[in-house]
Every structure is written in structure tokens, then in C-alpha cells.
Amino acid sequence: MQVSSDGWWEKENFDTLIRIVLEVAGNASAVFSGALIRPHVHLMFDRGDPTDEGKEILLKVEEVGSELVRRETIDDALLNFISLPLFSHEIH
């Protein structure tokens, strides 16, 4: 499982990192369960407190942890939800 966050807007900025983690996992004969990616993470918070959207994302992150422990896999729809933009780049 890879967990990454940053201030970049596009989640595609993580592609190289994901490729590296996949290669390392393969070399170590480890299972890669998925990549939990959260671009522009700073927009989830307002003065240190989670926004309403941020709270929803954090709940989904907890769900990912539970699912990983229970099923040893993570639903792609859940990972995609966590990485969705909070609003359009044009508005930002």
C-alpha cells in the first residue's frame, strides 16, 4: 500500500512514484494493494481544521484502512473518490 499526498493539482504527478513503488514491491515479492493518492491536500483544511469535504475524505481514508485489513485489497472506486478534486483547477 502506498499513501501519498502533496500540493500538486493533478494526481498524474504521482505516476512516477507509483511506478517506483510497484517495482520495489515486485523486487521484494510483496503485494502492492494500491495507491492512496490525495493531490492538493492543503485544500482539505481551513486554518488547520478539516473542511466538510476534508472530513468526508478522511472518513474514506479510514475506510481504506479497514478494507485493507479485512480484505487485503482496496476497491478502486474508493481510492478514486479520495483523489478527486475538491473543485476545478480554474476556480482555484
PDB file of N, CA and C in Angstrom:
ATOM      1  N   MET A   1       0.847  -1.178   0.000  1.00  0.00           N
ATOM      2  CA  MET A   1       0.000   0.000   0.000  1.00  0.00           C
ATOM      3  C   MET A   1       0.886   1.233   0.000  1.00  0.00           C
ATOM      4  N   GLN A   2       0.598   2.134  -0.875  1.00  0.00           N
ATOM      5  CA  GLN A   2       1.314   3.406  -0.948  1.00  0.00           C
ATOM      6  C   GLN A   2       0.344   4.504  -0.553  1.00  0.00           C
ATOM      7  N   VAL A   3       0.771   5.382   0.340  1.00  0.00           N
ATOM      8  CA  VAL A   3      -0.023   6.542   0.739  1.00  0.00           C
ATOM      9  C   VAL A   3       0.800   7.775   0.441  1.00  0.00           C
ATOM     10  N   SER A   4       0.247   8.690  -0.370  1.00  0.00           N
ATOM     11  CA  SER A   4       0.972   9.898  -0.740  1.00  0.00           C
ATOM     12  C   SER A   4       0.020  11.079  -0.802  1.00  0.00           C
ATOM     13  N   SER A   5       0.520  12.226  -0.377  1.00  0.00           N
ATOM     14  CA  SER A   5      -0.241  13.471  -0.514  1.00  0.00           C
ATOM     15  C   SER A   5       0.732  14.579  -0.874  1.00  0.00           C
ATOM     16  N   ASP A   6       0.189  15.617  -1.484  1.00  0.00           N
ATOM     17  CA  ASP A   6       1.025  16.754  -1.840  1.00  0.00           C
ATOM     18  C   ASP A   6       0.152  17.948  -2.204  1.00  0.00           C
ATOM     19  N   GLY A   7       0.775  19.021  -2.620  1.00  0.00           N
ATOM     20  CA  GLY A   7       0.064  20.223  -3.015  1.00  0.00           C
ATOM     21  C   GLY A   7      -0.163  20.330  -4.504  1.00  0.00           C
ATOM     22  N   TRP A   8       0.377  19.382  -5.307  1.00  0.00           N
ATOM     23  CA  TRP A   8       0.150  19.432  -6.738  1.00  0.00           C
ATOM     24  C   TRP A   8      -1.329  19.274  -7.042  1.00  0.00           C
ATOM     25  N   TRP A   9      -1.756  19.795  -8.174  1.00  0.00           N
ATOM     26  CA  TRP A   9      -3.170  19.700  -8.537  1.00  0.00           C
ATOM     27  C   TRP A   9      -3.500  18.346  -9.153  1.00  0.00           C
ATOM     28  N   GLU A  10      -2.705  17.901 -10.116  1.00  0.00           N
ATOM     29  CA  GLU A  10      -3.025  16.698 -10.876  1.00  0.00           C
ATOM     30  C   GLU A  10      -2.491  15.448 -10.177  1.00  0.00           C
ATOM     31  N   LYS A  11      -3.335  14.428 -10.078  1.00  0.00           N
ATOM     32  CA  LYS A  11      -2.878  13.189  -9.448  1.00  0.00           C
ATOM     33  C   LYS A  11      -1.888  12.455 -10.342  1.00  0.00           C
ATOM     34  N   GLU A  12      -1.832  12.795 -11.631  1.00  0.00           N
ATOM     35  CA  GLU A  12      -0.874  12.168 -12.533  1.00  0.00           C
ATOM     36  C   GLU A  12       0.572  12.488 -12.146  1.00  0.00           C
ATOM     37  N   ASN A  13       0.770  13.521 -11.331  1.00  0.00           N
ATOM     38  CA  ASN A  13       2.119  13.835 -10.851  1.00  0.00           C
ATOM     39  C   ASN A  13       2.685  12.714  -9.982  1.00  0.00           C
ATOM     40  N   PHE A  14       1.839  11.803  -9.543  1.00  0.00           N
ATOM     41  CA  PHE A  14       2.271  10.670  -8.722  1.00  0.00           C
ATOM     42  C   PHE A  14       2.681   9.463  -9.550  1.00  0.00           C
ATOM     43  N   ASP A  15       2.467   9.493 -10.856  1.00  0.00           N
ATOM     44  CA  ASP A  15       2.688   8.310 -11.696  1.00  0.00           C
ATOM     45  C   ASP A  15       4.089   7.725 -11.550  1.00  0.00           C
ATOM     46  N   THR A  16       5.102   8.566 -11.552  1.00  0.00           N
ATOM     47  CA  THR A  16       6.477   8.065 -11.430  1.00  0.00           C
ATOM     48  C   THR A  16       6.689   7.406 -10.073  1.00  0.00           C
ATOM     49  N   LEU A  17       6.188   8.033  -9.024  1.00  0.00           N
ATOM     50  CA  LEU A  17       6.310   7.462  -7.678  1.00  0.00           C
ATOM     51  C   LEU A  17       5.621   6.101  -7.599  1.00  0.00           C
ATOM     52  N   ILE A  18       4.441   6.004  -8.168  1.00  0.00           N
ATOM     53  CA  ILE A  18       3.707   4.732  -8.154  1.00  0.00           C
ATOM     54  C   ILE A  18       4.488   3.661  -8.910  1.00  0.00           C
ATOM     55  N   ARG A  19       5.056   4.018 -10.059  1.00  0.00           N
ATOM     56  CA  ARG A  19       5.858   3.060 -10.822  1.00  0.00           C
ATOM     57  C   ARG A  19       7.035   2.544  -9.997  1.00  0.00           C
ATOM     58  N   ILE A  20       7.693   3.443  -9.267  1.00  0.00           N
ATOM     59  CA  ILE A  20       8.839   3.048  -8.438  1.00  0.00           C
ATOM     60  C   ILE A  20       8.392   2.106  -7.320  1.00  0.00           C
ATOM     61  N   VAL A  21       7.290   2.447  -6.653  1.00  0.00           N
ATOM     62  CA  VAL A  21       6.789   1.601  -5.560  1.00  0.00           C
ATOM     63  C   VAL A  21       6.385   0.224  -6.100  1.00  0.00           C
ATOM     64  N   LEU A  22       5.752   0.191  -7.259  1.00  0.00           N
ATOM     65  CA  LEU A  22       5.399  -1.097  -7.880  1.00  0.00           C
ATOM     66  C   LEU A  22       6.648  -1.928  -8.166  1.00  0.00           C
ATOM     67  N   GLU A  23       7.692  -1.295  -8.672  1.00  0.00           N
ATOM     68  CA  GLU A  23       8.931  -2.009  -8.961  1.00  0.00           C
ATOM     69  C   GLU A  23       9.583  -2.538  -7.691  1.00  0.00           C
ATOM     70  N   VAL A  24       9.620  -1.714  -6.647  1.00  0.00           N
ATOM     71  CA  VAL A  24      10.197  -2.152  -5.371  1.00  0.00           C
ATOM     72  C   VAL A  24       9.394  -3.311  -4.796  1.00  0.00           C
ATOM     73  N   ALA A  25       8.071  -3.201  -4.849  1.00  0.00           N
ATOM     74  CA  ALA A  25       7.227  -4.290  -4.341  1.00  0.00           C
ATOM     75  C   ALA A  25       7.493  -5.582  -5.113  1.00  0.00           C
ATOM     76  N   GLY A  26       7.601  -5.469  -6.432  1.00  0.00           N
ATOM     77  CA  GLY A  26       7.884  -6.653  -7.241  1.00  0.00           C
ATOM     78  C   GLY A  26       9.232  -7.269  -6.910  1.00  0.00           C
ATOM     79  N   ASN A  27      10.234  -6.433  -6.736  1.00  0.00           N
ATOM     80  CA  ASN A  27      11.569  -6.928  -6.400  1.00  0.00           C
ATOM     81  C   ASN A  27      11.594  -7.592  -5.026  1.00  0.00           C
ATOM     82  N   ALA A  28      10.735  -7.150  -4.128  1.00  0.00           N
ATOM     83  CA  ALA A  28      10.690  -7.711  -2.779  1.00  0.00           C
ATOM     84  C   ALA A  28       9.654  -8.825  -2.655  1.00  0.00           C
ATOM     85  N   SER A  29       9.055  -9.208  -3.775  1.00  0.00           N
ATOM     86  CA  SER A  29       7.986 -10.214  -3.780  1.00  0.00           C
ATOM     87  C   SER A  29       6.859  -9.833  -2.824  1.00  0.00           C
ATOM     88  N   ALA A  30       6.570  -8.541  -2.753  1.00  0.00           N
ATOM     89  CA  ALA A  30       5.500  -8.035  -1.890  1.00  0.00           C
ATOM     90  C   ALA A  30       4.275  -7.702  -2.742  1.00  0.00           C
ATOM     91  N   VAL A  31       3.124  -7.776  -2.133  1.00  0.00           N
ATOM     92  CA  VAL A  31       1.878  -7.453  -2.812  1.00  0.00           C
ATOM     93  C   VAL A  31       1.657  -5.945  -2.752  1.00  0.00           C
ATOM     94  N   PHE A  32       1.380  -5.342  -3.893  1.00  0.00           N
ATOM     95  CA  PHE A  32       1.028  -3.927  -3.957  1.00  0.00           C
ATOM     96  C   PHE A  32      -0.490  -3.847  -3.958  1.00  0.00           C
ATOM     97  N   SER A  33      -1.066  -3.366  -2.860  1.00  0.00           N
ATOM     98  CA  SER A  33      -2.521  -3.355  -2.704  1.00  0.00           C
ATOM     99  C   SER A  33      -3.182  -2.156  -3.355  1.00  0.00           C
ATOM    100  N   GLY A  34      -2.426  -1.133  -3.633  1.00  0.00           N
ATOM    101  CA  GLY A  34      -2.999   0.057  -4.252  1.00  0.00           C
ATOM    102  C   GLY A  34      -2.293   1.304  -3.790  1.00  0.00           C
ATOM    103  N   ALA A  35      -2.670   2.409  -4.399  1.00  0.00           N
ATOM    104  CA  ALA A  35      -2.064   3.702  -4.076  1.00  0.00           C
ATOM    105  C   ALA A  35      -3.149   4.662  -3.619  1.00  0.00           C
ATOM    106  N   LEU A  36      -3.055   5.091  -2.382  1.00  0.00           N
ATOM    107  CA  LEU A  36      -3.974   6.086  -1.846  1.00  0.00           C
ATOM    108  C   LEU A  36      -3.331   7.453  -2.114  1.00  0.00           C
ATOM    109  N   ILE A  37      -3.896   8.186  -3.057  1.00  0.00           N
ATOM    110  CA  ILE A  37      -3.319   9.438  -3.529  1.00  0.00           C
ATOM    111  C   ILE A  37      -4.258  10.597  -3.195  1.00  0.00           C
ATOM    112  N   ARG A  38      -3.705  11.662  -2.603  1.00  0.00           N
ATOM    113  CA  ARG A  38      -4.511  12.858  -2.319  1.00  0.00           C
ATOM    114  C   ARG A  38      -3.763  14.097  -2.809  1.00  0.00           C
ATOM    115  N   PRO A  39      -4.065  14.535  -4.054  1.00  0.00           N
ATOM    116  CA  PRO A  39      -3.470  15.778  -4.531  1.00  0.00           C
ATOM    117  C   PRO A  39      -4.075  16.983  -3.810  1.00  0.00           C
ATOM    118  N   HIS A  40      -3.408  18.104  -3.906  1.00  0.00           N
ATOM    119  CA  HIS A  40      -3.796  19.375  -3.270  1.00  0.00           C
ATOM    120  C   HIS A  40      -4.441  19.170  -1.891  1.00  0.00           C
ATOM    121  N   VAL A  41      -3.694  18.432  -1.066  1.00  0.00           N
ATOM    122  CA  VAL A  41      -4.175  18.071   0.267  1.00  0.00           C
ATOM    123  C   VAL A  41      -4.437  19.307   1.133  1.00  0.00           C
ATOM    124  N   HIS A  42      -3.709  20.382   0.897  1.00  0.00           N
ATOM    125  CA  HIS A  42      -3.867  21.594   1.707  1.00  0.00           C
ATOM    126  C   HIS A  42      -5.269  22.187   1.592  1.00  0.00           C
ATOM    127  N   LEU A  43      -5.999  21.891   0.517  1.00  0.00           N
ATOM    128  CA  LEU A  43      -7.349  22.430   0.347  1.00  0.00           C
ATOM    129  C   LEU A  43      -8.395  21.672   1.168  1.00  0.00           C
ATOM    130  N   MET A  44      -7.974  20.587   1.807  1.00  0.00           N
ATOM    131  CA  MET A  44      -8.891  19.832   2.673  1.00  0.00           C
ATOM    132  C   MET A  44      -9.052  20.493   4.035  1.00  0.00           C
ATOM    133  N   PHE A  45      -8.226  21.513   4.309  1.00  0.00           N
ATOM    134  CA  PHE A  45      -8.200  22.109   5.639  1.00  0.00           C
ATOM    135  C   PHE A  45      -8.362  23.624   5.568  1.00  0.00           C
ATOM    136  N   ASP A  46      -8.985  24.172   6.581  1.00  0.00           N
ATOM    137  CA  ASP A  46      -9.135  25.612   6.721  1.00  0.00           C
ATOM    138  C   ASP A  46      -8.640  25.977   8.117  1.00  0.00           C
ATOM    139  N   ARG A  47      -7.509  26.647   8.167  1.00  0.00           N
ATOM    140  CA  ARG A  47      -6.877  27.033   9.432  1.00  0.00           C
ATOM    141  C   ARG A  47      -6.624  25.834  10.331  1.00  0.00           C
ATOM    142  N   GLY A  48      -6.210  24.734   9.712  1.00  0.00           N
ATOM    143  CA  GLY A  48      -5.845  23.532  10.465  1.00  0.00           C
ATOM    144  C   GLY A  48      -6.976  22.552  10.698  1.00  0.00           C
ATOM    145  N   ASP A  49      -8.205  22.980  10.492  1.00  0.00           N
ATOM    146  CA  ASP A  49      -9.350  22.095  10.696  1.00  0.00           C
ATOM    147  C   ASP A  49      -9.854  21.580   9.355  1.00  0.00           C
ATOM    148  N   PRO A  50     -10.285  20.324   9.312  1.00  0.00           N
ATOM    149  CA  PRO A  50     -10.800  19.793   8.050  1.00  0.00           C
ATOM    150  C   PRO A  50     -12.073  20.518   7.622  1.00  0.00           C
ATOM    151  N   THR A  51     -12.180  20.777   6.313  1.00  0.00           N
ATOM    152  CA  THR A  51     -13.421  21.297   5.752  1.00  0.00           C
ATOM    153  C   THR A  51     -14.432  20.155   5.729  1.00  0.00           C
ATOM    154  N   ASP A  52     -15.677  20.444   5.359  1.00  0.00           N
ATOM    155  CA  ASP A  52     -16.670  19.366   5.253  1.00  0.00           C
ATOM    156  C   ASP A  52     -16.215  18.316   4.249  1.00  0.00           C
ATOM    157  N   GLU A  53     -15.675  18.778   3.107  1.00  0.00           N
ATOM    158  CA  GLU A  53     -15.168  17.839   2.108  1.00  0.00           C
ATOM    159  C   GLU A  53     -13.964  17.074   2.662  1.00  0.00           C
ATOM    160  N   GLY A  54     -13.108  17.768   3.395  1.00  0.00           N
ATOM    161  CA  GLY A  54     -11.948  17.135   4.010  1.00  0.00           C
ATOM    162  C   GLY A  54     -12.345  16.053   4.987  1.00  0.00           C
ATOM    163  N   LYS A  55     -13.382  16.309   5.775  1.00  0.00           N
ATOM    164  CA  LYS A  55     -13.871  15.303   6.731  1.00  0.00           C
ATOM    165  C   LYS A  55     -14.349  14.055   6.001  1.00  0.00           C
ATOM    166  N   GLU A  56     -15.057  14.268   4.891  1.00  0.00           N
ATOM    167  CA  GLU A  56     -15.562  13.130   4.115  1.00  0.00           C
ATOM    168  C   GLU A  56     -14.402  12.305   3.549  1.00  0.00           C
ATOM    169  N   ILE A  57     -13.376  12.978   3.062  1.00  0.00           N
ATOM    170  CA  ILE A  57     -12.207  12.278   2.534  1.00  0.00           C
ATOM    171  C   ILE A  57     -11.502  11.516   3.650  1.00  0.00           C
ATOM    172  N   LEU A  58     -11.332  12.127   4.810  1.00  0.00           N
ATOM    173  CA  LEU A  58     -10.671  11.457   5.927  1.00  0.00           C
ATOM    174  C   LEU A  58     -11.440  10.222   6.377  1.00  0.00           C
ATOM    175  N   LEU A  59     -12.775  10.280   6.342  1.00  0.00           N
ATOM    176  CA  LEU A  59     -13.575   9.090   6.666  1.00  0.00           C
ATOM    177  C   LEU A  59     -13.334   7.979   5.647  1.00  0.00           C
ATOM    178  N   LYS A  60     -13.209   8.355   4.368  1.00  0.00           N
ATOM    179  CA  LYS A  60     -12.937   7.364   3.328  1.00  0.00           C
ATOM    180  C   LYS A  60     -11.535   6.761   3.495  1.00  0.00           C
ATOM    181  N   VAL A  61     -10.581   7.573   3.959  1.00  0.00           N
ATOM    182  CA  VAL A  61      -9.236   7.054   4.218  1.00  0.00           C
ATOM    183  C   VAL A  61      -9.293   5.998   5.318  1.00  0.00           C
ATOM    184  N   GLU A  62     -10.078   6.251   6.372  1.00  0.00           N
ATOM    185  CA  GLU A  62     -10.256   5.248   7.427  1.00  0.00           C
ATOM    186  C   GLU A  62     -10.874   3.973   6.852  1.00  0.00           C
ATOM    187  N   GLU A  63     -11.833   4.150   5.941  1.00  0.00           N
ATOM    188  CA  GLU A  63     -12.478   3.003   5.302  1.00  0.00           C
ATOM    189  C   GLU A  63     -11.454   2.183   4.505  1.00  0.00           C
ATOM    190  N   VAL A  64     -10.532   2.870   3.843  1.00  0.00           N
ATOM    191  CA  VAL A  64      -9.472   2.178   3.103  1.00  0.00           C
ATOM    192  C   VAL A  64      -8.659   1.308   4.058  1.00  0.00           C
ATOM    193  N   GLY A  65      -8.285   1.859   5.208  1.00  0.00           N
ATOM    194  CA  GLY A  65      -7.510   1.093   6.184  1.00  0.00           C
ATOM    195  C   GLY A  65      -8.247  -0.137   6.647  1.00  0.00           C
ATOM    196  N   SER A  66      -9.525   0.009   6.944  1.00  0.00           N
ATOM    197  CA  SER A  66     -10.334  -1.133   7.384  1.00  0.00           C
ATOM    198  C   SER A  66     -10.447  -2.191   6.294  1.00  0.00           C
ATOM    199  N   GLU A  67     -10.679  -1.730   5.066  1.00  0.00           N
ATOM    200  CA  GLU A  67     -10.822  -2.659   3.949  1.00  0.00           C
ATOM    201  C   GLU A  67      -9.515  -3.404   3.690  1.00  0.00           C
ATOM    202  N   LEU A  68      -8.411  -2.696   3.808  1.00  0.00           N
ATOM    203  CA  LEU A  68      -7.110  -3.327   3.583  1.00  0.00           C
ATOM    204  C   LEU A  68      -6.852  -4.422   4.616  1.00  0.00           C
ATOM    205  N   VAL A  69      -7.208  -4.170   5.858  1.00  0.00           N
ATOM    206  CA  VAL A  69      -7.006  -5.161   6.919  1.00  0.00           C
ATOM    207  C   VAL A  69      -7.950  -6.351   6.727  1.00  0.00           C
ATOM    208  N   ARG A  70      -9.209  -6.070   6.428  1.00  0.00           N
ATOM    209  CA  ARG A  70     -10.209  -7.134   6.285  1.00  0.00           C
ATOM    210  C   ARG A  70     -10.024  -7.975   5.026  1.00  0.00           C
ATOM    211  N   ARG A  71      -9.789  -7.289   3.890  1.00  0.00           N
ATOM    212  CA  ARG A  71      -9.814  -7.987   2.603  1.00  0.00           C
ATOM    213  C   ARG A  71      -8.458  -8.072   1.916  1.00  0.00           C
ATOM    214  N   GLU A  72      -7.472  -7.359   2.450  1.00  0.00           N
ATOM    215  CA  GLU A  72      -6.137  -7.294   1.856  1.00  0.00           C
ATOM    216  C   GLU A  72      -6.162  -6.725   0.439  1.00  0.00           C
ATOM    217  N   THR A  73      -7.182  -5.961   0.148  1.00  0.00           N
ATOM    218  CA  THR A  73      -7.312  -5.284  -1.136  1.00  0.00           C
ATOM    219  C   THR A  73      -8.143  -4.033  -0.917  1.00  0.00           C
ATOM    220  N   ILE A  74      -8.133  -3.152  -1.899  1.00  0.00           N
ATOM    221  CA  ILE A  74      -8.881  -1.900  -1.775  1.00  0.00           C
ATOM    222  C   ILE A  74      -9.654  -1.670  -3.061  1.00  0.00           C
ATOM    223  N   ASP A  75     -10.897  -1.304  -2.921  1.00  0.00           N
ATOM    224  CA  ASP A  75     -11.761  -1.012  -4.055  1.00  0.00           C
ATOM    225  C   ASP A  75     -11.251   0.230  -4.793  1.00  0.00           C
ATOM    226  N   ASP A  76     -11.089   0.112  -6.099  1.00  0.00           N
ATOM    227  CA  ASP A  76     -10.603   1.240  -6.904  1.00  0.00           C
ATOM    228  C   ASP A  76     -11.521   2.457  -6.813  1.00  0.00           C
ATOM    229  N   ALA A  77     -12.824   2.228  -6.713  1.00  0.00           N
ATOM    230  CA  ALA A  77     -13.768   3.350  -6.614  1.00  0.00           C
ATOM    231  C   ALA A  77     -13.499   4.171  -5.355  1.00  0.00           C
ATOM    232  N   LEU A  78     -13.137   3.515  -4.280  1.00  0.00           N
ATOM    233  CA  LEU A  78     -12.828   4.199  -3.030  1.00  0.00           C
ATOM    234  C   LEU A  78     -11.547   5.014  -3.165  1.00  0.00           C
ATOM    235  N   LEU A  79     -10.523   4.435  -3.771  1.00  0.00           N
ATOM    236  CA  LEU A  79      -9.277   5.162  -3.992  1.00  0.00           C
ATOM    237  C   LEU A  79      -9.491   6.356  -4.925  1.00  0.00           C
ATOM    238  N   ASN A  80     -10.314   6.169  -5.948  1.00  0.00           N
ATOM    239  CA  ASN A  80     -10.607   7.266  -6.869  1.00  0.00           C
ATOM    240  C   ASN A  80     -11.352   8.402  -6.177  1.00  0.00           C
ATOM    241  N   PHE A  81     -12.296   8.064  -5.297  1.00  0.00           N
ATOM    242  CA  PHE A  81     -13.037   9.092  -4.567  1.00  0.00           C
ATOM    243  C   PHE A  81     -12.084   9.964  -3.748  1.00  0.00           C
ATOM    244  N   ILE A  82     -11.153   9.335  -3.074  1.00  0.00           N
ATOM    245  CA  ILE A  82     -10.215  10.060  -2.213  1.00  0.00           C
ATOM    246  C   ILE A  82      -9.358  11.029  -3.020  1.00  0.00           C
ATOM    247  N   SER A  83      -9.060  10.706  -4.252  1.00  0.00           N
ATOM    248  CA  SER A  83      -8.172  11.555  -5.049  1.00  0.00           C
ATOM    249  C   SER A  83      -8.905  12.552  -5.942  1.00  0.00           C
ATOM    250  N   LEU A  84     -10.240  12.597  -5.881  1.00  0.00           N
ATOM    251  CA  LEU A  84     -10.986  13.547  -6.713  1.00  0.00           C
ATOM    252  C   LEU A  84     -10.681  14.989  -6.318  1.00  0.00           C
ATOM    253  N   PRO A  85     -10.686  15.899  -7.309  1.00  0.00           N
ATOM    254  CA  PRO A  85     -10.515  17.323  -6.986  1.00  0.00           C
ATOM    255  C   PRO A  85     -11.658  17.822  -6.099  1.00  0.00           C
ATOM    256  N   LEU A  86     -11.344  18.743  -5.205  1.00  0.00           N
ATOM    257  CA  LEU A  86     -12.369  19.341  -4.354  1.00  0.00           C
ATOM    258  C   LEU A  86     -13.171  20.379  -5.116  1.00  0.00           C
ATOM    259  N   PHE A  87     -12.548  20.998  -6.094  1.00  0.00           N
ATOM    260  CA  PHE A  87     -13.206  21.895  -7.042  1.00  0.00           C
ATOM    261  C   PHE A  87     -12.290  22.036  -8.238  1.00  0.00           C
ATOM    262  N   SER A  88     -12.769  22.690  -9.283  1.00  0.00           N
ATOM    263  CA  SER A  88     -11.995  22.745 -10.526  1.00  0.00           C
ATOM    264  C   SER A  88     -10.722  23.561 -10.369  1.00  0.00           C
ATOM    265  N   HIS A  89      -9.750  23.234 -11.175  1.00  0.00           N
ATOM    266  CA  HIS A  89      -8.474  23.956 -11.156  1.00  0.00           C
ATOM    267  C   HIS A  89      -8.683  25.421 -11.554  1.00  0.00           C
ATOM    268  N   GLU A  90      -9.632  25.682 -12.429  1.00  0.00           N
ATOM    269  CA  GLU A  90      -9.933  27.036 -12.867  1.00  0.00           C
ATOM    270  C   GLU A  90     -10.413  27.906 -11.691  1.00  0.00           C
ATOM    271  N   ILE A  91     -11.231  27.330 -10.831  1.00  0.00           N
ATOM    272  CA  ILE A  91     -11.726  28.063  -9.653  1.00  0.00           C
ATOM    273  C   ILE A  91     -10.592  28.350  -8.684  1.00  0.00           C
ATOM    274  N   HIS A  92      -9.681  27.402  -8.565  1.00  0.00           N
ATOM    275  CA  HIS A  92      -8.556  27.570  -7.656  1.00  0.00           C
ATOM    276  C   HIS A  92      -7.669  28.702  -8.131  1.00  0.00           C
TER     277      HIS A  92
END
